[in-house]
C-alpha atoms as a PDB file:
ATOM      1  CA  MET A   1      16.227  15.300  12.986  1.00  0.00           C
ATOM      2  CA  SER A   2      18.340  18.097  11.531  1.00  0.00           C
ATOM      3  CA  ARG A   3      18.987  20.993  13.883  1.00  0.00           C
ATOM      4  CA  ARG A   4      17.311  23.464  11.440  1.00  0.00           C
ATOM      5  CA  ALA A   5      14.097  21.235  11.719  1.00  0.00           C
ATOM      6  CA  TYR A   6      14.437  21.142  15.528  1.00  0.00           C
ATOM      7  CA  ASP A   7      14.560  24.956  15.589  1.00  0.00           C
ATOM      8  CA  THR A   8      11.797  25.457  13.181  1.00  0.00           C
ATOM      9  CA  ILE A   9       9.437  23.125  15.215  1.00  0.00           C
ATOM     10  CA  VAL A  10      10.404  25.015  18.446  1.00  0.00           C
ATOM     11  CA  GLU A  11       9.673  28.474  16.795  1.00  0.00           C
ATOM     12  CA  ALA A  12       6.460  27.528  15.152  1.00  0.00           C
ATOM     13  CA  GLU A  13       2.978  28.688  16.526  1.00  0.00           C
ATOM     14  CA  VAL A  14       1.172  25.903  15.103  1.00  0.00           C
ATOM     15  CA  VAL A  15       2.423  22.203  14.453  1.00  0.00           C
ATOM     16  CA  VAL A  16       0.565  19.812  12.109  1.00  0.00           C
ATOM     17  CA  GLY A  17       1.077  16.128  11.648  1.00  0.00           C
ATOM     18  CA  TYR A  18       0.133  12.477  11.732  1.00  0.00           C
ATOM     19  CA  ASP A  19      -0.774  11.723  15.240  1.00  0.00           C
ATOM     20  CA  VAL A  20       2.112   9.061  15.613  1.00  0.00           C
ATOM     21  CA  TYR A  21       4.660  11.658  14.585  1.00  0.00           C
ATOM     22  CA  ILE A  22       3.256  14.371  16.718  1.00  0.00           C
ATOM     23  CA  ASP A  23       3.491  12.084  19.949  1.00  0.00           C
ATOM     24  CA  LEU A  24       7.340  11.608  18.872  1.00  0.00           C
ATOM     25  CA  ILE A  25       7.913  15.449  19.514  1.00  0.00           C
ATOM     26  CA  LYS A  26       5.472  16.086  22.278  1.00  0.00           C
ATOM     27  CA  GLU A  27       8.288  17.737  24.432  1.00  0.00           C
ATOM     28  CA  LEU A  28       8.950  20.252  21.720  1.00  0.00           C
ATOM     29  CA  ILE A  29       5.247  21.396  21.211  1.00  0.00           C
ATOM     30  CA  VAL A  30       4.150  22.278  24.861  1.00  0.00           C
ATOM     31  CA  GLY A  31       1.817  25.137  24.672  1.00  0.00           C
ATOM     32  CA  LYS A  32       1.513  25.279  20.766  1.00  0.00           C
ATOM     33  CA  LYS A  33      -1.636  24.835  18.777  1.00  0.00           C
ATOM     34  CA  VAL A  34      -1.237  21.279  17.574  1.00  0.00           C
ATOM     35  CA  ILE A  35      -3.450  19.658  14.691  1.00  0.00           C
ATOM     36  CA  GLY A  36      -3.024  15.955  14.321  1.00  0.00           C
ATOM     37  CA  THR A  37      -4.956  13.392  12.217  1.00  0.00           C
ATOM     38  CA  GLY A  38      -4.843   9.807  11.757  1.00  0.00           C
ATOM     39  CA  MET A  39      -3.617   7.665   8.575  1.00  0.00           C
ATOM     40  CA  MET A  40      -5.168   8.555   5.184  1.00  0.00           C
ATOM     41  CA  GLN A  41      -6.062  12.133   6.171  1.00  0.00           C
ATOM     42  CA  GLU A  42      -3.033  13.679   4.754  1.00  0.00           C
ATOM     43  CA  ILE A  43      -4.856  16.089   2.491  1.00  0.00           C
ATOM     44  CA  ASP A  44      -7.178  17.295   5.377  1.00  0.00           C
ATOM     45  CA  ARG A  45      -4.227  18.067   7.844  1.00  0.00           C
ATOM     46  CA  CYS A  46      -2.298  19.927   5.094  1.00  0.00           C
ATOM     47  CA  GLN A  47      -5.198  22.008   4.158  1.00  0.00           C
ATOM     48  CA  ALA A  48      -5.640  22.702   7.815  1.00  0.00           C
ATOM     49  CA  ALA A  49      -1.980  23.812   7.901  1.00  0.00           C
ATOM     50  CA  VAL A  50      -2.478  26.083   4.957  1.00  0.00           C
ATOM     51  CA  GLU A  51      -5.512  27.813   6.433  1.00  0.00           C
ATOM     52  CA  GLU A  52      -3.515  28.497   9.508  1.00  0.00           C
ATOM     53  CA  ALA A  53      -0.867  30.024   7.641  1.00  0.00           C
ATOM     54  CA  LEU A  54      -3.195  32.097   5.657  1.00  0.00           C
ATOM     55  CA  LEU A  55      -4.309  33.560   9.016  1.00  0.00           C
ATOM     56  CA  GLY A  56      -0.641  34.726   9.414  1.00  0.00           C
ATOM     57  CA  LYS A  57       0.584  31.867  11.809  1.00  0.00           C
ATOM     58  CA  THR A  58       3.900  30.266  11.524  1.00  0.00           C
ATOM     59  CA  VAL A  59       3.071  26.751  10.999  1.00  0.00           C
ATOM     60  CA  ALA A  60       5.181  23.650  10.847  1.00  0.00           C
ATOM     61  CA  ILE A  61       3.918  20.482   8.931  1.00  0.00           C
ATOM     62  CA  ILE A  62       5.952  17.596  10.308  1.00  0.00           C
ATOM     63  CA  SER A  63       6.973  14.497   8.488  1.00  0.00           C
ATOM     64  CA  SER A  64       9.158  11.622   9.829  1.00  0.00           C
ATOM     65  CA  GLY A  65      12.576  11.498   8.269  1.00  0.00           C
ATOM     66  CA  ASP A  66      12.784  14.115   5.476  1.00  0.00           C
ATOM     67  CA  ALA A  67       9.714  15.884   4.470  1.00  0.00           C
ATOM     68  CA  GLY A  68      10.639  15.602   0.695  1.00  0.00           C
ATOM     69  CA  ILE A  69      11.003  11.846   0.620  1.00  0.00           C
ATOM     70  CA  TYR A  70       7.544  10.069   1.021  1.00  0.00           C
ATOM     71  CA  GLY A  71       6.577  13.094   3.292  1.00  0.00           C
ATOM     72  CA  MET A  72       4.316  16.012   3.198  1.00  0.00           C
ATOM     73  CA  ALA A  73       6.338  18.532   1.252  1.00  0.00           C
ATOM     74  CA  GLY A  74       4.912  17.720  -2.235  1.00  0.00           C
ATOM     75  CA  LEU A  75       1.161  17.821  -1.099  1.00  0.00           C
ATOM     76  CA  ALA A  76       1.684  21.014   0.905  1.00  0.00           C
ATOM     77  CA  LEU A  77       3.265  22.696  -2.109  1.00  0.00           C
ATOM     78  CA  GLU A  78       0.428  21.434  -4.242  1.00  0.00           C
ATOM     79  CA  LEU A  79      -2.249  22.868  -1.980  1.00  0.00           C
ATOM     80  CA  VAL A  80      -0.457  26.249  -1.453  1.00  0.00           C
ATOM     81  CA  LEU A  81       0.115  26.742  -5.307  1.00  0.00           C
ATOM     82  CA  LYS A  82      -3.705  26.611  -5.773  1.00  0.00           C
ATOM     83  CA  TYR A  83      -3.839  30.057  -4.183  1.00  0.00           C
ATOM     84  CA  PRO A  84      -2.933  33.253  -6.160  1.00  0.00           C
ATOM     85  CA  PRO A  85       0.455  34.603  -5.719  1.00  0.00           C
ATOM     86  CA  GLY A  86      -0.459  37.457  -3.693  1.00  0.00           C
ATOM     87  CA  VAL A  87      -2.396  35.323  -1.342  1.00  0.00           C
ATOM     88  CA  ARG A  88      -0.476  32.162  -0.806  1.00  0.00           C
ATOM     89  CA  PRO A  89       1.736  31.744   2.094  1.00  0.00           C
ATOM     90  CA  ILE A  90       5.394  31.228   2.037  1.00  0.00           C
ATOM     91  CA  VAL A  91       6.593  27.650   2.032  1.00  0.00           C
ATOM     92  CA  ASP A  92      10.029  26.602   3.272  1.00  0.00           C
ATOM     93  CA  ILE A  93      10.928  22.990   3.144  1.00  0.00           C
ATOM     94  CA  ILE A  94      13.233  21.979   5.902  1.00  0.00           C
ATOM     95  CA  PRO A  95      15.624  18.990   5.152  1.00  0.00           C
ATOM     96  CA  GLY A  96      15.720  16.316   7.665  1.00  0.00           C
ATOM     97  CA  ILE A  97      17.494  12.890   7.730  1.00  0.00           C
ATOM     98  CA  SER A  98      15.535  10.237   5.867  1.00  0.00           C
ATOM     99  CA  ALA A  99      15.069   6.752   7.074  1.00  0.00           C
ATOM    100  CA  ILE A 100      17.234   5.388   4.235  1.00  0.00           C
ATOM    101  CA  CYS A 101      20.283   7.629   5.329  1.00  0.00           C
ATOM    102  CA  ALA A 102      19.743   6.735   9.024  1.00  0.00           C
ATOM    103  CA  ALA A 103      19.472   2.947   8.190  1.00  0.00           C
ATOM    104  CA  ALA A 104      22.349   2.934   5.971  1.00  0.00           C
ATOM    105  CA  ALA A 105      24.758   4.573   8.554  1.00  0.00           C
ATOM    106  CA  ILE A 106      23.478   1.898  11.003  1.00  0.00           C
ATOM    107  CA  LEU A 107      24.231  -0.956   8.733  1.00  0.00           C
ATOM    108  CA  GLY A 108      27.589   0.388   7.504  1.00  0.00           C
ATOM    109  CA  ALA A 109      28.070   1.762   4.006  1.00  0.00           C
ATOM    110  CA  PRO A 110      25.666  -0.262   1.685  1.00  0.00           C
ATOM    111  CA  LEU A 111      24.758   2.848  -0.437  1.00  0.00           C
ATOM    112  CA  MET A 112      28.137   3.788  -1.747  1.00  0.00           C
ATOM    113  CA  HIS A 113      27.077   2.986  -5.245  1.00  0.00           C
ATOM    114  CA  ASP A 114      23.929   3.531  -7.391  1.00  0.00           C
ATOM    115  CA  PHE A 115      20.810   2.587  -5.576  1.00  0.00           C
ATOM    116  CA  ALA A 116      16.896   2.721  -5.928  1.00  0.00           C
ATOM    117  CA  VAL A 117      14.380   3.354  -3.241  1.00  0.00           C
ATOM    118  CA  VAL A 118      10.825   1.744  -3.585  1.00  0.00           C
ATOM    119  CA  SER A 119       7.852   1.734  -1.462  1.00  0.00           C
ATOM    120  CA  LEU A 120       5.963  -1.321  -1.174  1.00  0.00           C
ATOM    121  CA  SER A 121       2.719   0.480  -0.106  1.00  0.00           C
ATOM    122  CA  ASP A 122       0.100   0.372  -2.689  1.00  0.00           C
ATOM    123  CA  LEU A 123      -2.348   2.777  -1.187  1.00  0.00           C
ATOM    124  CA  LEU A 124      -1.316   5.562  -3.594  1.00  0.00           C
ATOM    125  CA  THR A 125       0.703   3.560  -6.300  1.00  0.00           C
ATOM    126  CA  PRO A 126      -0.839   0.486  -8.013  1.00  0.00           C
ATOM    127  CA  TRP A 127       0.850  -2.815  -7.251  1.00  0.00           C
ATOM    128  CA  GLU A 128       1.543  -3.691 -10.815  1.00  0.00           C
ATOM    129  CA  VAL A 129       3.638  -0.344 -11.145  1.00  0.00           C
ATOM    130  CA  ILE A 130       5.613  -1.343  -7.979  1.00  0.00           C
ATOM    131  CA  ILE A 131       6.435  -4.812  -9.511  1.00  0.00           C
ATOM    132  CA  LYS A 132       7.726  -3.048 -12.631  1.00  0.00           C
ATOM    133  CA  ARG A 133       9.841  -0.589 -10.674  1.00  0.00           C
ATOM    134  CA  ILE A 134      11.354  -3.693  -8.688  1.00  0.00           C
ATOM    135  CA  GLU A 135      11.914  -5.646 -11.631  1.00  0.00           C
ATOM    136  CA  ALA A 136      13.728  -2.655 -13.389  1.00  0.00           C
ATOM    137  CA  ALA A 137      15.905  -2.095 -10.430  1.00  0.00           C
ATOM    138  CA  ALA A 138      16.732  -5.695  -9.832  1.00  0.00           C
ATOM    139  CA  ALA A 139      17.816  -6.238 -13.428  1.00  0.00           C
ATOM    140  CA  ALA A 140      19.942  -3.027 -13.441  1.00  0.00           C
ATOM    141  CA  ASP A 141      21.937  -4.291 -10.185  1.00  0.00           C
ATOM    142  CA  PHE A 142      20.899  -1.322  -8.070  1.00  0.00           C
ATOM    143  CA  VAL A 143      21.100  -1.701  -4.272  1.00  0.00           C
ATOM    144  CA  ILE A 144      17.522  -1.597  -3.360  1.00  0.00           C
ATOM    145  CA  ALA A 145      16.031   0.022  -0.406  1.00  0.00           C
ATOM    146  CA  LEU A 146      12.247  -0.853   0.585  1.00  0.00           C
ATOM    147  CA  TYR A 147      10.119   1.605   2.364  1.00  0.00           C
ATOM    148  CA  ASN A 148       6.832   0.509   3.887  1.00  0.00           C
ATOM    149  CA  PRO A 149       7.866  -3.094   3.362  1.00  0.00           C
ATOM    150  CA  LYS A 150       5.127  -4.960   5.377  1.00  0.00           C
ATOM    151  CA  SER A 151       1.979  -4.212   7.207  1.00  0.00           C
ATOM    152  CA  LYS A 152      -0.818  -6.206   8.945  1.00  0.00           C
ATOM    153  CA  ARG A 153      -2.712  -5.960   5.641  1.00  0.00           C
ATOM    154  CA  ARG A 154       0.329  -6.458   3.264  1.00  0.00           C
ATOM    155  CA  ILE A 155       2.026  -9.576   4.069  1.00  0.00           C
ATOM    156  CA  THR A 156       2.763 -11.248   0.661  1.00  0.00           C
ATOM    157  CA  GLN A 157       4.191  -8.129  -1.202  1.00  0.00           C
ATOM    158  CA  ILE A 158       7.528  -8.442   0.239  1.00  0.00           C
ATOM    159  CA  GLU A 159       7.797 -12.138  -0.623  1.00  0.00           C
ATOM    160  CA  THR A 160       6.859 -11.109  -4.257  1.00  0.00           C
ATOM    161  CA  ALA A 161       9.679  -8.384  -4.085  1.00  0.00           C
ATOM    162  CA  ARG A 162      12.137 -11.060  -2.892  1.00  0.00           C
ATOM    163  CA  ASP A 163      11.178 -13.560  -5.580  1.00  0.00           C
ATOM    164  CA  ILE A 164      11.758 -10.967  -8.354  1.00  0.00           C
ATOM    165  CA  MET A 165      15.199 -10.043  -7.079  1.00  0.00           C
ATOM    166  CA  LEU A 166      16.064 -13.707  -6.663  1.00  0.00           C
ATOM    167  CA  LYS A 167      15.900 -13.948 -10.363  1.00  0.00           C
ATOM    168  CA  TYR A 168      18.849 -11.457 -10.753  1.00  0.00           C
ATOM    169  CA  ARG A 169      21.088 -12.048  -7.817  1.00  0.00           C
ATOM    170  CA  PRO A 170      22.302 -14.867  -5.551  1.00  0.00           C
ATOM    171  CA  ASP A 171      20.538 -16.236  -2.429  1.00  0.00           C
ATOM    172  CA  SER A 172      23.401 -15.046  -0.421  1.00  0.00           C
ATOM    173  CA  THR A 173      23.201 -11.384  -1.327  1.00  0.00           C
ATOM    174  CA  PRO A 174      23.414  -9.349   1.893  1.00  0.00           C
ATOM    175  CA  VAL A 175      20.142  -7.559   3.119  1.00  0.00           C
ATOM    176  CA  GLY A 176      20.059  -5.362   6.050  1.00  0.00           C
ATOM    177  CA  ILE A 177      16.831  -4.624   8.158  1.00  0.00           C
ATOM    178  CA  VAL A 178      16.793  -1.673  10.564  1.00  0.00           C
ATOM    179  CA  HIS A 179      13.738  -1.138  12.689  1.00  0.00           C
ATOM    180  CA  HIS A 180      13.006   2.197  14.240  1.00  0.00           C
ATOM    181  CA  ALA A 181      16.186   3.647  12.768  1.00  0.00           C
ATOM    182  CA  SER A 182      17.773   6.282  15.145  1.00  0.00           C
ATOM    183  CA  ARG A 183      14.926   6.046  17.604  1.00  0.00           C
ATOM    184  CA  PRO A 184      15.086   4.700  21.203  1.00  0.00           C
ATOM    185  CA  ASN A 185      14.240   1.096  20.445  1.00  0.00           C
ATOM    186  CA  GLN A 186      16.325   0.727  17.239  1.00  0.00           C
ATOM    187  CA  SER A 187      17.123  -2.802  16.234  1.00  0.00           C
ATOM    188  CA  THR A 188      19.225  -4.195  13.375  1.00  0.00           C
ATOM    189  CA  VAL A 189      19.472  -7.571  11.594  1.00  0.00           C
ATOM    190  CA  LEU A 190      21.859  -8.679   8.846  1.00  0.00           C
ATOM    191  CA  SER A 191      20.368 -11.429   6.682  1.00  0.00           C
ATOM    192  CA  ASP A 192      20.535 -12.701   3.165  1.00  0.00           C
ATOM    193  CA  LEU A 193      18.168 -12.553   0.172  1.00  0.00           C
ATOM    194  CA  ALA A 194      16.926 -16.116   0.460  1.00  0.00           C
ATOM    195  CA  GLY A 195      16.118 -15.662   4.219  1.00  0.00           C
ATOM    196  CA  PHE A 196      15.373 -12.087   5.286  1.00  0.00           C
ATOM    197  CA  THR A 197      11.594 -12.308   4.982  1.00  0.00           C
ATOM    198  CA  LYS A 198      11.738 -14.795   7.908  1.00  0.00           C
ATOM    199  CA  GLU A 199      12.835 -11.751  10.106  1.00  0.00           C
ATOM    200  CA  HIS A 200      10.501  -9.271  11.919  1.00  0.00           C
ATOM    201  CA  ILE A 201       9.599  -6.629   9.338  1.00  0.00           C
ATOM    202  CA  ASP A 202       6.855  -4.067   9.640  1.00  0.00           C
ATOM    203  CA  MET A 203       6.024  -0.451   8.690  1.00  0.00           C
ATOM    204  CA  LEU A 204       8.633   0.862  10.944  1.00  0.00           C
ATOM    205  CA  SER A 205      11.479  -1.263   9.294  1.00  0.00           C
ATOM    206  CA  LEU A 206      13.759  -0.229   6.604  1.00  0.00           C
ATOM    207  CA  VAL A 207      15.081  -2.945   4.216  1.00  0.00           C
ATOM    208  CA  ILE A 208      18.277  -2.570   2.247  1.00  0.00           C
ATOM    209  CA  ILE A 209      19.142  -5.213  -0.201  1.00  0.00           C
ATOM    210  CA  GLY A 210      22.695  -5.335  -1.636  1.00  0.00           C
ATOM    211  CA  ASN A 211      23.634  -5.515  -5.380  1.00  0.00           C
ATOM    212  CA  SER A 212      26.101  -8.018  -6.886  1.00  0.00           C
ATOM    213  CA  GLN A 213      29.206  -6.348  -5.199  1.00  0.00           C
ATOM    214  CA  THR A 214      27.736  -5.920  -1.683  1.00  0.00           C
ATOM    215  CA  TYR A 215      29.468  -7.824   1.162  1.00  0.00           C
ATOM    216  CA  VAL A 216      29.477  -8.056   4.985  1.00  0.00           C
ATOM    217  CA  ARG A 217      32.488  -7.744   6.946  1.00  0.00           C
ATOM    218  CA  GLU A 218      32.739  -7.775  10.639  1.00  0.00           C
ATOM    219  CA  GLY A 219      29.151  -6.819  11.002  1.00  0.00           C
ATOM    220  CA  HIS A 220      29.403  -3.996   8.471  1.00  0.00           C
ATOM    221  CA  MET A 221      27.266  -4.085   5.142  1.00  0.00           C
ATOM    222  CA  ILE A 222      29.470  -2.464   2.454  1.00  0.00           C
ATOM    223  CA  THR A 223      28.837  -1.758  -1.164  1.00  0.00           C
ATOM    224  CA  PRO A 224      32.329  -0.969  -2.742  1.00  0.00           C
ATOM    225  CA  ARG A 225      32.355   2.285  -4.976  1.00  0.00           C
ATOM    226  CA  GLY A 226      35.245   0.904  -7.104  1.00  0.00           C
ATOM    227  CA  TYR A 227      38.232   2.305  -5.453  1.00  0.00           C
ATOM    228  CA  LEU A 228      41.407   0.351  -5.960  1.00  0.00           C
ATOM    229  CA  ILE A 229      42.638  -0.507  -2.401  1.00  0.00           C
END
């Protein structure tokens, strides 16, 4: 969490978010009005936040990581912009630290050159579209970071993603898996493209798959930028 995000939550009168994320900041929201909802209720909670803001309240909509990366910033803006200019509340998007940045720092320096970020969740994006994006990124030799890599319902998609990437890069390509990045029960695994799906992976994991130049040395996953050293 950035310091500005921390201060914004502390100063807010109302805090709105997914129940799991609300629980992560419970020590910051004592005495505040809290609006929490479950999974798949994003529109409802953002609309509730907008309505609180229209009443003149200072409202914080929280997301994990950065609100503008697979978070609530876009939906909140879309809802606010439905109101006339003289009515709509002011929206200030506070940058945070995304899971990809946190995980990369834990692993070493795997994102030092061009990279792509793909979510394997097909709740809002058709699986056929996701496959096309993985194929394109793999063919272009991007380092690839996978959000939402595996859930109780989605257990085969990550295998498909791996098989696509194996068409374009060696079995030995380094893969880093960070679970609970920057949280108390954080864990890290370094594996390879052939075998990484055998590791524990769930919705709280971030997977970074190296490109043709990525290597591991003394526990650090590194993608060279191209400096002559």
